[in-house]
Amino acid sequence: MKIGFIGIGTMGGHMAYNLCKAEFEVSVNDLNKDLSKRHIEVGATWADSVKTIAQNNEVIMTSLPGPKEVQDVALRADGLLANMKPGTVWFDLSTNSVTVVRALHAKFKEKGIHMLDAPVSGGPKGAKSGKMALLVGGDKAVFDKYRKVLDAIGDQIFYIGNSGDGTVAKLVHNAAGYAVQAAIAELMTMGVKAGVDPVQLWAAIRQCSLGRQRTFDRMGNQFMQHTFDPPDFALKLAHKDVTLATELAREIGVPMKIAALTHAEMTEALNRGWGNLDSRSFLMLQKERAGVEIKVPAAEIQKVLDRDG
């Protein structure tokens, strides 16, 4: 199978190299030709233009910095849309805009070209080792047909749903990761300013209940199932704990924007009479504001946990 890979930088370079090692017939293109040396050493060929890549491969993969670069490669005169053949497939591995992905999908579909968004998660180390997740949106039959190509660059391949759904999942993942780290950083600075050694604090907290459990696993019970009664731990008690933490922060002069917002949410939930519900019942406020209903049967949650370990 002939695969054309555009963008062989920090992430794309490793992924293209792994495709070469999997013995696919790979051609590569990048603004910097020097990056292709190691790929050529293991059998890849250099393509001098996006047009050449588009015209001569069954599968095209792009790993580019963002929406602007993806649109440029896709829509310019010598780009993918103008030069790919009907029936061929394009996997965009970039972290892109959902709006851009769905607009491109529609344009390519008009020409009989399959476009799937497949953003990756794992960082440069994961891209190099192949221990990486791909979150794919688009035609399921096309996904199934080319699954072996995706397996060559990642070990966790997820079909999320329709066009753009893979990108939605990636944006949820990335934003959640930074939001969680921001909250932890906020509270770590409070602990250190209160006089605790940072290494001792970090080492201890990572072995407490929060640290021992995957972040998203904790969302599987109350939040995902919308089950807050009976409580694992009552909201009124959790509110007390967060109150004590924010009071300490004020005493020692540590700004706590995220914790203060959490405290305000918990207070609103208490004022609604939810004090004896589970401590995570305040998360219902966000569902309410977003206008979404999330209520997944426990058996479905357990199925995912059993599958993934």
Protein backbone atom coordinates (compact mmCIF):
# COMPACT_ATOMS: atom_id res chain seq x y z
CA MET A 1 0.00 0.00 0.00
CA LYS A 2 1.33 3.42 -0.98
CA ILE A 3 1.19 6.06 1.76
CA GLY A 4 2.11 9.72 1.42
CA PHE A 5 3.04 11.55 4.61
CA ILE A 6 3.10 15.35 4.81
CA GLY A 7 4.73 16.98 7.85
CA ILE A 8 7.64 15.00 9.31
CA GLY A 9 8.50 17.24 12.25
CA THR A 10 8.47 16.43 15.96
CA MET A 11 5.45 14.10 15.85
CA GLY A 12 5.03 13.32 12.17
CA GLY A 13 8.65 12.29 11.71
CA HIS A 14 8.31 9.43 14.18
CA MET A 15 4.96 8.31 12.80
CA ALA A 16 6.22 8.27 9.22
CA TYR A 17 9.30 6.34 10.33
CA ASN A 18 7.12 3.70 12.01
CA LEU A 19 5.12 3.33 8.80
CA CYS A 20 8.38 2.67 6.99
CA LYS A 21 9.37 0.04 9.56
CA ALA A 22 5.97 -1.61 9.05
CA GLU A 23 7.02 -2.06 5.40
CA PHE A 24 4.49 0.22 3.79
CA GLU A 25 5.57 2.02 0.63
CA VAL A 26 6.01 5.52 2.05
CA SER A 27 6.78 8.86 0.45
CA VAL A 28 7.34 11.96 2.58
CA ASN A 29 7.14 15.71 2.17
CA ASP A 30 8.02 18.59 4.46
CA LEU A 31 9.16 22.19 4.25
CA ASN A 32 12.54 20.94 5.52
CA LYS A 33 13.89 18.19 3.26
CA ASP A 34 16.73 17.41 5.70
CA LEU A 35 14.19 15.83 8.06
CA SER A 36 13.62 13.04 5.53
CA LYS A 37 17.12 11.54 5.69
CA ARG A 38 16.32 8.84 8.25
CA HIS A 39 13.12 7.91 6.40
CA ILE A 40 14.96 7.51 3.12
CA GLU A 41 17.51 5.28 4.88
CA VAL A 42 14.72 2.81 5.71
CA GLY A 43 13.10 2.83 2.29
CA ALA A 44 10.97 5.96 2.00
CA THR A 45 11.10 8.25 -1.01
CA TRP A 46 11.16 12.03 -1.00
CA ALA A 47 8.29 13.83 -2.75
CA ASP A 48 9.14 17.35 -3.84
CA SER A 49 5.57 18.67 -3.51
CA VAL A 50 2.19 18.13 -1.92
CA LYS A 51 0.84 17.64 -5.43
CA THR A 52 3.19 14.71 -6.00
CA ILE A 53 2.08 13.14 -2.73
CA ALA A 54 -1.59 13.66 -3.60
CA GLN A 55 -1.39 12.20 -7.10
CA ASN A 56 0.59 9.06 -6.30
CA ASN A 57 -0.73 7.53 -3.08
CA GLU A 58 -3.78 5.62 -1.92
CA VAL A 59 -3.50 6.97 1.62
CA ILE A 60 -2.42 10.48 2.58
CA MET A 61 -1.51 11.43 6.15
CA THR A 62 -0.85 14.93 7.44
CA SER A 63 0.73 15.98 10.72
CA LEU A 64 0.71 19.77 10.75
CA PRO A 65 0.80 22.56 13.37
CA GLY A 66 -2.84 23.65 13.17
CA PRO A 67 -5.95 24.60 11.16
CA LYS A 68 -4.25 27.23 9.00
CA GLU A 69 -1.58 24.83 7.76
CA VAL A 70 -4.07 22.01 7.22
CA GLN A 71 -6.37 24.22 5.16
CA ASP A 72 -3.44 25.46 3.09
CA VAL A 73 -2.21 21.95 2.25
CA ALA A 74 -5.75 20.81 1.54
CA LEU A 75 -7.13 23.66 -0.55
CA ARG A 76 -4.34 25.42 -2.42
CA ALA A 77 -4.03 24.87 -6.17
CA ASP A 78 -1.33 22.21 -5.84
CA GLY A 79 -2.94 20.76 -2.71
CA LEU A 80 -4.82 17.63 -1.75
CA LEU A 81 -8.34 18.45 -2.90
CA ALA A 82 -7.26 19.40 -6.42
CA ASN A 83 -4.99 16.40 -6.91
CA MET A 84 -6.18 13.36 -4.91
CA LYS A 85 -8.07 10.72 -6.86
CA PRO A 86 -11.63 9.65 -6.03
CA GLY A 87 -11.65 6.67 -3.68
CA THR A 88 -8.41 7.62 -1.96
CA VAL A 89 -8.29 8.52 1.74
CA TRP A 90 -6.80 11.33 3.81
CA PHE A 91 -6.15 10.95 7.54
CA ASP A 92 -5.42 14.27 9.22
CA LEU A 93 -3.40 13.50 12.36
CA SER A 94 -3.19 17.17 13.38
CA THR A 95 -5.00 18.76 16.30
CA ASN A 96 -7.44 20.80 14.26
CA SER A 97 -10.57 22.94 14.50
CA VAL A 98 -13.81 20.94 14.51
CA THR A 99 -15.40 23.48 12.15
CA VAL A 100 -12.46 23.22 9.75
CA VAL A 101 -12.49 19.41 9.86
CA ARG A 102 -16.19 19.12 9.06
CA ALA A 103 -15.99 21.72 6.27
CA LEU A 104 -13.05 19.92 4.67
CA HIS A 105 -14.79 16.56 5.04
CA ALA A 106 -17.78 17.92 3.09
CA LYS A 107 -15.59 19.37 0.31
CA PHE A 108 -13.61 16.16 -0.11
CA LYS A 109 -16.75 14.01 -0.02
CA GLU A 110 -18.09 15.96 -3.01
CA LYS A 111 -15.10 14.69 -5.01
CA GLY A 112 -15.41 11.12 -3.76
CA ILE A 113 -12.38 11.43 -1.46
CA HIS A 114 -12.55 10.12 2.10
CA MET A 115 -11.32 12.49 4.81
CA LEU A 116 -11.03 11.29 8.42
CA ASP A 117 -9.80 13.27 11.39
CA ALA A 118 -7.41 11.19 13.50
CA PRO A 119 -5.65 13.42 16.04
CA VAL A 120 -3.06 11.66 18.17
CA SER A 121 -2.19 11.67 21.87
CA GLY A 122 1.07 10.48 23.33
CA GLY A 123 3.62 13.20 22.70
CA PRO A 124 6.95 12.72 20.93
CA LYS A 125 7.88 9.73 23.11
CA GLY A 126 4.63 7.98 22.24
CA ALA A 127 5.00 8.82 18.55
CA LYS A 128 8.48 7.28 18.60
CA SER A 129 7.59 4.13 20.55
CA GLY A 130 4.20 3.61 18.94
CA LYS A 131 2.51 3.77 22.35
CA MET A 132 0.02 6.37 21.30
CA ALA A 133 -3.73 6.88 20.98
CA LEU A 134 -5.50 7.87 17.76
CA LEU A 135 -8.99 9.35 18.05
CA VAL A 136 -10.73 8.88 14.73
CA GLY A 137 -13.82 10.50 13.23
CA GLY A 138 -15.33 9.73 9.85
CA ASP A 139 -16.69 6.87 7.77
CA LYS A 140 -16.57 3.64 9.82
CA ALA A 141 -16.11 1.41 6.76
CA VAL A 142 -13.08 3.44 5.69
CA PHE A 143 -11.71 3.32 9.23
CA ASP A 144 -12.04 -0.47 9.26
CA LYS A 145 -10.44 -0.85 5.84
CA TYR A 146 -7.34 1.11 6.79
CA ARG A 147 -7.09 0.07 10.44
CA LYS A 148 -3.78 -1.73 9.80
CA VAL A 149 -2.23 1.58 8.72
CA LEU A 150 -3.30 3.23 11.97
CA ASP A 151 -2.06 0.23 13.97
CA ALA A 152 1.43 0.89 12.60
CA ILE A 153 1.64 4.24 14.39
CA GLY A 154 -0.38 3.73 17.58
CA ASP A 155 -1.38 1.01 20.02
CA GLN A 156 -4.71 2.54 21.14
CA ILE A 157 -6.95 3.17 18.15
CA PHE A 158 -10.42 4.52 18.90
CA TYR A 159 -13.21 5.04 16.41
CA ILE A 160 -15.11 7.92 18.03
CA GLY A 161 -17.87 8.57 15.50
CA ASN A 162 -18.73 10.93 12.67
CA SER A 163 -16.49 13.50 11.01
CA GLY A 164 -15.03 15.88 13.60
CA ASP A 165 -15.82 13.63 16.54
CA GLY A 166 -12.20 12.52 16.87
CA THR A 167 -11.16 16.16 17.03
CA VAL A 168 -13.79 16.89 19.68
CA ALA A 169 -12.40 14.04 21.79
CA LYS A 170 -8.85 15.33 21.37
CA LEU A 171 -9.79 18.86 22.42
CA VAL A 172 -11.63 17.52 25.48
CA HIS A 173 -8.53 15.52 26.39
CA ASN A 174 -6.05 18.35 25.95
CA ALA A 175 -8.09 21.03 27.68
CA ALA A 176 -8.94 18.69 30.57
CA GLY A 177 -5.28 17.83 31.02
CA TYR A 178 -4.20 21.44 31.33
CA ALA A 179 -7.17 22.38 33.52
CA VAL A 180 -6.39 19.54 35.93
CA GLN A 181 -2.70 20.50 36.01
CA ALA A 182 -3.63 24.15 36.65
CA ALA A 183 -5.77 23.11 39.62
CA ILE A 184 -3.02 20.87 41.01
CA ALA A 185 -0.42 23.62 40.56
CA GLU A 186 -2.67 26.05 42.40
CA LEU A 187 -3.05 23.73 45.38
CA MET A 188 0.59 22.64 45.39
CA THR A 189 1.67 26.28 45.70
CA MET A 190 -0.68 26.64 48.66
CA GLY A 191 0.85 23.58 50.32
CA VAL A 192 4.41 24.77 49.78
CA LYS A 193 3.67 28.30 50.98
CA ALA A 194 2.06 26.77 54.07
CA GLY A 195 5.46 25.26 54.86
CA VAL A 196 5.37 21.74 53.39
CA ASP A 197 8.35 20.40 51.45
CA PRO A 198 7.27 20.17 47.79
CA VAL A 199 8.75 16.71 47.20
CA GLN A 200 7.17 15.30 50.33
CA LEU A 201 3.84 16.87 49.42
CA TRP A 202 3.91 15.60 45.84
CA ALA A 203 5.07 12.11 46.85
CA ALA A 204 2.31 11.78 49.44
CA ILE A 205 -0.56 13.18 47.36
CA ARG A 206 0.19 10.97 44.38
CA GLN A 207 -0.31 7.94 46.64
CA CYS A 208 -3.60 9.17 48.14
CA SER A 209 -6.96 8.21 46.62
CA LEU A 210 -6.83 10.87 43.88
CA GLY A 211 -3.28 10.06 42.87
CA ARG A 212 -3.83 6.30 42.74
CA GLN A 213 -6.77 6.51 40.35
CA ARG A 214 -6.92 7.62 36.74
CA THR A 215 -8.49 11.07 36.54
CA PHE A 216 -11.21 10.06 34.12
CA ASP A 217 -11.98 6.84 35.98
CA ARG A 218 -13.30 8.99 38.80
CA MET A 219 -15.90 10.44 36.43
CA GLY A 220 -17.34 7.01 35.60
CA ASN A 221 -19.55 6.57 38.64
CA GLN A 222 -21.50 9.60 39.80
CA PHE A 223 -21.00 12.02 36.89
CA MET A 224 -21.36 9.62 33.96
CA GLN A 225 -24.14 7.60 35.57
CA HIS A 226 -25.89 10.65 37.06
CA THR A 227 -26.16 8.76 40.35
CA PHE A 228 -25.54 10.88 43.43
CA ASP A 229 -27.65 9.09 46.05
CA PRO A 230 -26.60 7.29 48.16
CA PRO A 231 -23.37 9.29 48.47
CA ASP A 232 -19.86 7.93 48.65
CA PHE A 233 -19.00 11.13 50.52
CA ALA A 234 -21.57 13.84 51.20
CA LEU A 235 -21.40 17.20 49.46
CA LYS A 236 -21.73 19.07 52.78
CA LEU A 237 -18.56 17.37 54.03
CA ALA A 238 -16.65 18.02 50.80
CA HIS A 239 -17.78 21.66 50.94
CA LYS A 240 -16.31 21.89 54.43
CA ASP A 241 -12.97 20.53 53.19
CA VAL A 242 -12.75 22.95 50.26
CA THR A 243 -13.80 25.80 52.57
CA LEU A 244 -10.88 24.98 54.89
CA ALA A 245 -8.45 24.87 51.96
CA THR A 246 -9.56 28.23 50.54
CA GLU A 247 -9.46 29.79 54.03
CA LEU A 248 -5.87 28.61 54.44
CA ALA A 249 -5.01 30.07 51.04
CA ARG A 250 -6.38 33.45 52.06
CA GLU A 251 -4.49 33.35 55.35
CA ILE A 252 -1.14 32.79 53.66
CA GLY A 253 -1.82 34.95 50.58
CA VAL A 254 -2.06 32.36 47.81
CA PRO A 255 -4.41 33.16 44.89
CA MET A 256 -6.79 30.23 44.36
CA LYS A 257 -9.00 31.08 41.38
CA ILE A 258 -9.85 27.50 40.43
CA ALA A 259 -10.44 26.33 43.99
CA ALA A 260 -12.55 29.44 44.66
CA LEU A 261 -14.69 28.67 41.64
CA THR A 262 -15.09 25.08 42.81
CA HIS A 263 -16.11 26.35 46.25
CA ALA A 264 -18.68 28.68 44.69
CA GLU A 265 -20.15 25.79 42.67
CA MET A 266 -20.37 23.63 45.79
CA THR A 267 -22.04 26.47 47.68
CA GLU A 268 -24.66 26.87 44.97
CA ALA A 269 -25.33 23.12 45.10
CA LEU A 270 -25.71 23.29 48.89
CA ASN A 271 -28.18 26.12 48.47
CA ARG A 272 -30.23 23.85 46.24
CA GLY A 273 -30.53 21.35 49.06
CA TRP A 274 -28.02 18.83 47.74
CA GLY A 275 -25.89 18.66 50.89
CA ASN A 276 -26.67 14.99 51.58
CA LEU A 277 -26.07 13.92 47.99
CA ASP A 278 -22.66 12.76 46.80
CA SER A 279 -19.81 15.26 46.90
CA ARG A 280 -19.74 15.36 43.09
CA SER A 281 -23.39 16.36 42.82
CA PHE A 282 -22.30 19.96 42.21
CA LEU A 283 -21.18 18.78 38.76
CA MET A 284 -24.87 18.63 37.83
CA LEU A 285 -24.76 22.42 37.61
CA GLN A 286 -22.47 22.21 34.58
CA LYS A 287 -24.74 19.71 32.84
CA GLU A 288 -27.65 22.05 33.49
CA ARG A 289 -25.84 25.11 32.09
CA ALA A 290 -24.62 23.19 29.04
CA GLY A 291 -28.09 21.83 28.37
CA VAL A 292 -26.91 18.24 28.05
CA GLU A 293 -28.00 15.00 29.66
CA ILE A 294 -25.34 12.43 30.51
CA LYS A 295 -26.75 9.28 32.08
CA VAL A 296 -24.91 6.09 31.18
CA PRO A 297 -25.92 2.66 32.56
CA ALA A 298 -23.44 1.24 35.05
CA ALA A 299 -22.97 -1.85 32.88
CA GLU A 300 -21.65 0.28 29.99
CA ILE A 301 -19.18 2.02 32.28
CA GLN A 302 -17.96 -1.30 33.64
CA LYS A 303 -17.59 -2.68 30.11
CA VAL A 304 -15.13 0.10 29.25
CA LEU A 305 -13.18 -0.37 32.49
CA ASP A 306 -12.97 -4.15 31.96
CA ARG A 307 -11.85 -3.69 28.36
CA ASP A 308 -9.12 -1.17 29.04
CA GLY A 309 -7.95 -2.39 32.44
